[in-house]
Each structure stands twice: as structure tokens, then as C-alpha cells.
Amino acid sequence: MSKRFRKTVESAGEEGSGHINVVPLIDVVFILLLFFIVTSVFVDETGVEIDRPRAATQSDLDKNSILIGITSSGQVFHGGREIGVAGVRSVVGKLAKENNTPVIIQADKAAPTDATVSVLDEAKLGGAKSVFVSTINQ
């Protein structure tokens, strides 16, 4: 047997044994990661702890919504920062007109009624098509 043929047979045997090509695996994992990031839903919380009242007629709402929180002292929050009643119209106007997103008001059960009504009015004036008041299950 010639040396040239022997080297070809030996090198062919070395290529197939013990080596795993992980480059396609990394590509697949990266594509799956991108898929899950793009399809995930991000919920924007109000940023304050609210004790919501109970309601017998409660129903689940869409997760893609604008959440506005009203504390027991009447402070209005969105996205973890206080915006006040005056800031509701601008926040809703900016976010609701883009994709017709509903507004959910999470009012504390000890919150003043006038603050809740004022936030509801400002949300409607800001261009919200639908405004809901959030409660908890019984």
C-alpha cells in the first residue's frame, strides 16, 4: 500500500471520530431565543401596591393594556412613577392612540371616589376607547 493512500485512510478515520460540530446547535438556540423574545408579552405594572375591592361581575381583561394605579391617599401612578391626575391624559394619549389599547384603573378600595372619577374622565379625554376599573376575584 502506498504512503499516500495510507495517509488518506488514516486522516479520514480521524475526522469522523470524537468531534461534534456545535455551530448549528448554537444557531438553533439563538433563533429560538429570538423567537421567544419577540413573542413574549410585557406587562407594564403600576408600581404601587393597591388593595383592590371585590366584585361579583369581574372578568379577565387583555394583558396588553395601560395600567393606572390610584393609592388610598389619591396619588396616581403609571409605570412606577407618580403622574397625578393631570398626567393621565398625556400618558393615555400617547399609548392608547397607537394601537387602541384599553385603560385599566387599579384603584385602592380606600381611594377617594373623586380621584377615581377624575382619572376615568382624563383617560377618556386622552383618547381611550375603553376604560375599566380593576377588582379582585371573590
C-alpha atoms as a PDB file:
ATOM      1  CA  MET A   1       0.000   0.000   0.000  1.00  0.00           C
ATOM      2  CA  SER A   2       1.364   3.401  -0.876  1.00  0.00           C
ATOM      3  CA  LYS A   3       2.033   6.041   1.753  1.00  0.00           C
ATOM      4  CA  ARG A   4      -0.336   8.456   0.039  1.00  0.00           C
ATOM      5  CA  PHE A   5      -3.290   6.054   0.226  1.00  0.00           C
ATOM      6  CA  ARG A   6      -2.479   5.163   3.863  1.00  0.00           C
ATOM      7  CA  LYS A   7      -2.490   8.842   4.956  1.00  0.00           C
ATOM      8  CA  THR A   8      -5.830   9.418   3.258  1.00  0.00           C
ATOM      9  CA  VAL A   9      -7.413   6.452   5.051  1.00  0.00           C
ATOM     10  CA  GLU A  10      -5.916   7.433   8.426  1.00  0.00           C
ATOM     11  CA  SER A  11      -6.976  11.088   8.158  1.00  0.00           C
ATOM     12  CA  ALA A  12     -10.498  10.086   7.088  1.00  0.00           C
ATOM     13  CA  GLY A  13     -10.810   7.936  10.194  1.00  0.00           C
ATOM     14  CA  GLU A  14      -9.666  10.764  12.482  1.00  0.00           C
ATOM     15  CA  GLU A  15     -12.205  13.277  11.149  1.00  0.00           C
ATOM     16  CA  GLY A  16     -15.284  11.216  11.996  1.00  0.00           C
ATOM     17  CA  SER A  17     -14.323  10.065  15.489  1.00  0.00           C
ATOM     18  CA  GLY A  18     -14.937  12.050  18.663  1.00  0.00           C
ATOM     19  CA  HIS A  19     -15.642  15.510  17.234  1.00  0.00           C
ATOM     20  CA  ILE A  20     -19.058  17.142  17.378  1.00  0.00           C
ATOM     21  CA  ASN A  21     -19.778  20.287  15.436  1.00  0.00           C
ATOM     22  CA  VAL A  22     -21.845  22.564  17.769  1.00  0.00           C
ATOM     23  CA  VAL A  23     -22.121  25.547  15.426  1.00  0.00           C
ATOM     24  CA  PRO A  24     -25.571  24.519  14.084  1.00  0.00           C
ATOM     25  CA  LEU A  25     -26.753  23.923  17.668  1.00  0.00           C
ATOM     26  CA  ILE A  26     -25.743  27.450  18.688  1.00  0.00           C
ATOM     27  CA  ASP A  27     -27.583  28.851  15.661  1.00  0.00           C
ATOM     28  CA  VAL A  28     -30.774  26.964  16.564  1.00  0.00           C
ATOM     29  CA  VAL A  29     -30.631  28.110  20.207  1.00  0.00           C
ATOM     30  CA  PHE A  30     -30.097  31.708  19.109  1.00  0.00           C
ATOM     31  CA  ILE A  31     -33.089  31.556  16.730  1.00  0.00           C
ATOM     32  CA  LEU A  32     -35.288  30.069  19.486  1.00  0.00           C
ATOM     33  CA  LEU A  33     -34.187  32.810  21.883  1.00  0.00           C
ATOM     34  CA  LEU A  34     -35.126  35.490  19.365  1.00  0.00           C
ATOM     35  CA  PHE A  35     -38.483  33.806  18.735  1.00  0.00           C
ATOM     36  CA  PHE A  36     -39.392  33.753  22.441  1.00  0.00           C
ATOM     37  CA  ILE A  37     -38.287  37.363  22.978  1.00  0.00           C
ATOM     38  CA  VAL A  38     -40.370  38.621  20.050  1.00  0.00           C
ATOM     39  CA  THR A  39     -43.489  36.650  21.003  1.00  0.00           C
ATOM     40  CA  SER A  40     -43.434  37.434  24.734  1.00  0.00           C
ATOM     41  CA  VAL A  41     -45.894  39.867  26.282  1.00  0.00           C
ATOM     42  CA  PHE A  42     -44.568  42.576  28.546  1.00  0.00           C
ATOM     43  CA  VAL A  43     -46.986  43.794  31.217  1.00  0.00           C
ATOM     44  CA  ASP A  44     -46.411  47.302  32.483  1.00  0.00           C
ATOM     45  CA  GLU A  45     -47.232  47.394  36.199  1.00  0.00           C
ATOM     46  CA  THR A  46     -48.448  50.455  38.089  1.00  0.00           C
ATOM     47  CA  GLY A  47     -45.518  50.387  40.505  1.00  0.00           C
ATOM     48  CA  VAL A  48     -47.506  50.632  43.753  1.00  0.00           C
ATOM     49  CA  GLU A  49     -49.241  48.053  45.939  1.00  0.00           C
ATOM     50  CA  ILE A  50     -53.015  48.504  45.718  1.00  0.00           C
ATOM     51  CA  ASP A  51     -55.715  46.807  47.777  1.00  0.00           C
ATOM     52  CA  ARG A  52     -58.472  46.382  45.176  1.00  0.00           C
ATOM     53  CA  PRO A  53     -62.134  45.864  46.079  1.00  0.00           C
ATOM     54  CA  ARG A  54     -64.078  42.692  45.253  1.00  0.00           C
ATOM     55  CA  ALA A  55     -66.770  42.469  42.556  1.00  0.00           C
ATOM     56  CA  ALA A  56     -69.156  39.669  41.635  1.00  0.00           C
ATOM     57  CA  THR A  57     -69.195  40.603  37.922  1.00  0.00           C
ATOM     58  CA  GLN A  58     -65.446  40.595  37.391  1.00  0.00           C
ATOM     59  CA  SER A  59     -63.980  39.329  34.105  1.00  0.00           C
ATOM     60  CA  ASP A  60     -60.424  38.906  32.842  1.00  0.00           C
ATOM     61  CA  LEU A  61     -59.056  41.665  30.613  1.00  0.00           C
ATOM     62  CA  ASP A  62     -56.409  41.760  27.930  1.00  0.00           C
ATOM     63  CA  LYS A  63     -52.810  41.739  29.220  1.00  0.00           C
ATOM     64  CA  ASN A  64     -51.821  44.430  26.712  1.00  0.00           C
ATOM     65  CA  SER A  65     -53.304  47.413  28.490  1.00  0.00           C
ATOM     66  CA  ILE A  66     -52.410  50.693  30.129  1.00  0.00           C
ATOM     67  CA  LEU A  67     -52.400  50.255  33.911  1.00  0.00           C
ATOM     68  CA  ILE A  68     -53.026  53.284  36.110  1.00  0.00           C
ATOM     69  CA  GLY A  69     -52.935  52.906  39.894  1.00  0.00           C
ATOM     70  CA  ILE A  70     -54.657  55.089  42.487  1.00  0.00           C
ATOM     71  CA  THR A  71     -53.457  54.754  46.093  1.00  0.00           C
ATOM     72  CA  SER A  72     -55.585  55.146  49.215  1.00  0.00           C
ATOM     73  CA  SER A  73     -54.340  58.730  49.561  1.00  0.00           C
ATOM     74  CA  GLY A  74     -55.413  59.620  45.987  1.00  0.00           C
ATOM     75  CA  GLN A  75     -51.970  59.570  44.330  1.00  0.00           C
ATOM     76  CA  VAL A  76     -51.985  58.432  40.675  1.00  0.00           C
ATOM     77  CA  PHE A  77     -49.199  56.168  39.354  1.00  0.00           C
ATOM     78  CA  HIS A  78     -48.205  54.715  35.989  1.00  0.00           C
ATOM     79  CA  GLY A  79     -45.080  52.647  35.335  1.00  0.00           C
ATOM     80  CA  GLY A  80     -43.731  53.099  38.863  1.00  0.00           C
ATOM     81  CA  ARG A  81     -43.791  56.894  38.909  1.00  0.00           C
ATOM     82  CA  GLU A  82     -46.382  59.350  40.140  1.00  0.00           C
ATOM     83  CA  ILE A  83     -48.084  61.154  37.267  1.00  0.00           C
ATOM     84  CA  GLY A  84     -51.010  62.789  39.066  1.00  0.00           C
ATOM     85  CA  VAL A  85     -54.460  63.238  37.597  1.00  0.00           C
ATOM     86  CA  ALA A  86     -53.114  65.868  35.191  1.00  0.00           C
ATOM     87  CA  GLY A  87     -50.634  63.395  33.673  1.00  0.00           C
ATOM     88  CA  VAL A  88     -53.212  60.730  32.835  1.00  0.00           C
ATOM     89  CA  ARG A  89     -54.405  62.412  29.642  1.00  0.00           C
ATOM     90  CA  SER A  90     -50.905  62.696  28.165  1.00  0.00           C
ATOM     91  CA  VAL A  91     -49.933  59.109  29.080  1.00  0.00           C
ATOM     92  CA  VAL A  92     -53.156  57.680  27.665  1.00  0.00           C
ATOM     93  CA  GLY A  93     -52.994  59.929  24.604  1.00  0.00           C
ATOM     94  CA  LYS A  94     -49.508  58.698  23.798  1.00  0.00           C
ATOM     95  CA  LEU A  95     -50.136  54.984  24.414  1.00  0.00           C
ATOM     96  CA  ALA A  96     -53.799  54.363  23.535  1.00  0.00           C
ATOM     97  CA  LYS A  97     -53.936  56.006  20.120  1.00  0.00           C
ATOM     98  CA  GLU A  98     -51.101  53.878  18.719  1.00  0.00           C
ATOM     99  CA  ASN A  99     -52.862  50.522  18.988  1.00  0.00           C
ATOM    100  CA  ASN A 100     -56.275  51.139  20.611  1.00  0.00           C
ATOM    101  CA  THR A 101     -55.123  49.760  23.984  1.00  0.00           C
ATOM    102  CA  PRO A 102     -57.660  49.622  26.840  1.00  0.00           C
ATOM    103  CA  VAL A 103     -57.005  51.529  30.082  1.00  0.00           C
ATOM    104  CA  ILE A 104     -57.321  49.665  33.381  1.00  0.00           C
ATOM    105  CA  ILE A 105     -57.631  51.707  36.564  1.00  0.00           C
ATOM    106  CA  GLN A 106     -56.442  49.860  39.659  1.00  0.00           C
ATOM    107  CA  ALA A 107     -57.917  51.939  42.485  1.00  0.00           C
ATOM    108  CA  ASP A 108     -57.376  51.094  46.128  1.00  0.00           C
ATOM    109  CA  LYS A 109     -60.646  50.337  47.909  1.00  0.00           C
ATOM    110  CA  ALA A 110     -59.923  53.250  50.264  1.00  0.00           C
ATOM    111  CA  ALA A 111     -59.144  55.654  47.388  1.00  0.00           C
ATOM    112  CA  PRO A 112     -61.334  58.761  47.156  1.00  0.00           C
ATOM    113  CA  THR A 113     -64.133  58.331  44.632  1.00  0.00           C
ATOM    114  CA  ASP A 114     -63.497  61.748  43.110  1.00  0.00           C
ATOM    115  CA  ALA A 115     -59.897  60.739  42.290  1.00  0.00           C
ATOM    116  CA  THR A 116     -61.107  57.585  40.525  1.00  0.00           C
ATOM    117  CA  VAL A 117     -63.738  59.504  38.551  1.00  0.00           C
ATOM    118  CA  SER A 118     -61.206  62.206  37.627  1.00  0.00           C
ATOM    119  CA  VAL A 119     -58.752  59.580  36.331  1.00  0.00           C
ATOM    120  CA  LEU A 120     -61.560  57.890  34.377  1.00  0.00           C
ATOM    121  CA  ASP A 121     -62.531  61.227  32.788  1.00  0.00           C
ATOM    122  CA  GLU A 122     -58.932  62.111  31.929  1.00  0.00           C
ATOM    123  CA  ALA A 123     -58.406  58.695  30.333  1.00  0.00           C
ATOM    124  CA  LYS A 124     -61.498  59.168  28.151  1.00  0.00           C
ATOM    125  CA  LEU A 125     -60.376  62.701  27.212  1.00  0.00           C
ATOM    126  CA  GLY A 126     -56.934  61.289  26.380  1.00  0.00           C
ATOM    127  CA  GLY A 127     -58.461  59.149  23.639  1.00  0.00           C
ATOM    128  CA  ALA A 128     -59.052  55.786  25.317  1.00  0.00           C
ATOM    129  CA  LYS A 129     -61.798  53.787  23.617  1.00  0.00           C
ATOM    130  CA  SER A 130     -62.384  51.599  26.680  1.00  0.00           C
ATOM    131  CA  VAL A 131     -61.675  52.251  30.363  1.00  0.00           C
ATOM    132  CA  PHE A 132     -62.118  49.607  33.069  1.00  0.00           C
ATOM    133  CA  VAL A 133     -61.817  49.572  36.869  1.00  0.00           C
ATOM    134  CA  SER A 134     -59.920  46.536  38.118  1.00  0.00           C
ATOM    135  CA  THR A 135     -61.122  44.392  41.052  1.00  0.00           C
ATOM    136  CA  ILE A 136     -60.043  41.073  42.569  1.00  0.00           C
ATOM    137  CA  ASN A 137     -61.767  37.664  42.490  1.00  0.00           C
ATOM    138  CA  GLN A 138     -64.018  36.689  45.343  1.00  0.00           C
END
